[in-house]
Protein backbone atom coordinates (compact mmCIF):
# COMPACT_ATOMS: atom_id res chain seq x y z
CA UNK A 1 22.94 -43.66 100.02
CA UNK A 2 23.78 -46.54 98.55
CA UNK A 3 22.53 -49.89 100.65
CA UNK A 4 22.59 -48.11 103.93
CA UNK A 5 20.16 -47.08 106.57
CA UNK A 6 22.31 -44.51 108.20
CA UNK A 7 21.58 -40.90 107.40
CA UNK A 8 24.56 -39.21 105.75
CA UNK A 9 27.00 -37.60 108.41
CA UNK A 10 25.90 -40.27 110.87
CA UNK A 11 28.78 -42.28 112.35
CA UNK A 12 28.20 -46.31 112.73
CA UNK A 13 29.72 -48.66 114.97
CA UNK A 14 32.11 -51.02 112.90
CA UNK A 15 33.16 -48.16 110.60
CA UNK A 16 36.05 -46.16 110.38
CA UNK A 17 35.81 -43.00 112.10
CA UNK A 18 35.98 -39.95 109.85
CA UNK A 19 38.16 -36.93 110.98
CA UNK A 20 36.58 -34.60 113.63
CA UNK A 21 36.39 -31.25 110.92
CA UNK A 22 33.60 -33.28 109.46
CA UNK A 23 31.79 -34.64 111.80
CA UNK A 24 29.80 -31.65 113.33
CA UNK A 25 28.54 -33.81 115.91
CA UNK A 26 32.02 -33.88 117.63
CA UNK A 27 31.55 -30.93 119.29
CA UNK A 28 27.92 -31.18 120.56
CA UNK A 29 28.25 -33.17 123.79
CA UNK A 30 31.17 -31.19 125.44
CA UNK A 31 28.93 -28.14 124.66
CA UNK A 32 26.21 -29.55 126.86
CA UNK A 33 28.42 -31.05 129.42
CA UNK A 34 30.58 -27.86 130.16
CA UNK A 35 27.07 -25.73 130.38
CA UNK A 36 25.85 -28.46 132.97
CA UNK A 37 29.49 -28.10 134.82
CA UNK A 38 29.12 -24.48 135.21
CA UNK A 39 26.22 -25.05 137.46
CA UNK A 40 27.73 -27.43 139.82
CA UNK A 41 26.30 -28.78 141.85
CA UNK A 42 23.03 -28.48 140.47
CA UNK A 43 20.94 -32.47 139.93
CA UNK A 44 19.88 -33.06 136.41
CA UNK A 45 16.58 -32.54 137.89
CA UNK A 46 17.18 -29.13 138.54
CA UNK A 47 18.89 -28.47 135.41
CA UNK A 48 16.33 -29.86 133.43
CA UNK A 49 13.21 -28.22 134.76
CA UNK A 50 11.48 -26.62 131.89
CA UNK A 51 10.73 -23.55 134.12
CA UNK A 52 14.29 -22.80 135.47
CA UNK A 53 16.27 -24.26 132.89
CA UNK A 54 19.99 -22.25 133.11
CA UNK A 55 19.61 -20.24 129.38
CA UNK A 56 23.07 -21.25 128.57
CA UNK A 57 22.26 -25.00 128.59
CA UNK A 58 18.88 -24.42 126.79
CA UNK A 59 21.22 -22.71 124.04
CA UNK A 60 23.38 -25.58 124.09
CA UNK A 61 20.86 -27.98 123.36
CA UNK A 62 19.04 -25.91 120.86
CA UNK A 63 22.46 -25.75 119.05
CA UNK A 64 22.41 -29.24 119.37
CA UNK A 65 18.74 -30.27 117.89
CA UNK A 66 19.77 -27.71 115.04
CA UNK A 67 23.07 -29.27 114.11
CA UNK A 68 21.31 -33.01 114.19
CA UNK A 69 18.06 -31.84 112.30
CA UNK A 70 20.32 -30.26 109.48
CA UNK A 71 22.31 -33.67 109.43
CA UNK A 72 18.88 -35.70 108.86
CA UNK A 73 16.75 -33.63 106.52
CA UNK A 74 19.10 -30.51 105.75
CA UNK A 75 16.84 -27.97 107.74
CA UNK A 76 15.17 -27.57 111.01
CA UNK A 77 11.83 -29.58 111.75
CA UNK A 78 8.93 -27.62 111.35
CA UNK A 79 7.35 -29.27 114.41
CA UNK A 80 7.58 -32.54 116.71
CA UNK A 81 5.03 -34.73 114.52
CA UNK A 82 7.41 -34.22 111.76
CA UNK A 83 10.62 -35.08 114.14
CA UNK A 84 8.71 -37.93 115.02
CA UNK A 85 7.63 -39.12 111.55
CA UNK A 86 11.39 -38.71 110.52
CA UNK A 87 12.52 -40.89 113.54
CA UNK A 88 10.07 -43.61 112.97
CA UNK A 89 10.83 -43.78 109.23
CA UNK A 90 14.73 -43.97 110.22
CA UNK A 91 13.82 -46.69 112.78
CA UNK A 92 12.04 -48.75 110.17
CA UNK A 93 14.50 -48.46 107.81
CA UNK A 94 17.31 -49.66 110.17
CA UNK A 95 15.57 -52.53 111.86
CA UNK A 96 14.24 -53.75 108.66
CA UNK A 97 10.72 -53.45 109.85
CA UNK A 98 7.94 -53.35 107.09
CA UNK A 99 5.78 -50.35 107.32
CA UNK A 100 2.64 -52.20 107.52
CA UNK A 101 3.69 -55.31 109.57
CA UNK A 102 5.69 -53.68 111.88
CA UNK A 103 8.18 -57.04 111.89
CA UNK A 104 11.85 -56.76 111.28
CA UNK A 105 12.76 -58.62 108.22
């Protein structure tokens, strides 16, 4: 990455969009949306209740998570701690915040 804080494979506003065949994220949202629509008229609260979440919706979100994690680090995160560490690292780089001071540059 030369001078850009955006991870490879992530589209940035103001840049030319890549063809969808090279953007694995282009197919993610429609998959989750289709899964939600299959359970109409269930509410978002109903659909995302951890105890009763429909299996196809859970699977769609798991596939989304895996794709995004592979974009960020090339594999699945080991755990939530590793995921949060990476997200905070990216946030710090993107906002120009100094790791010790927390103030944007």
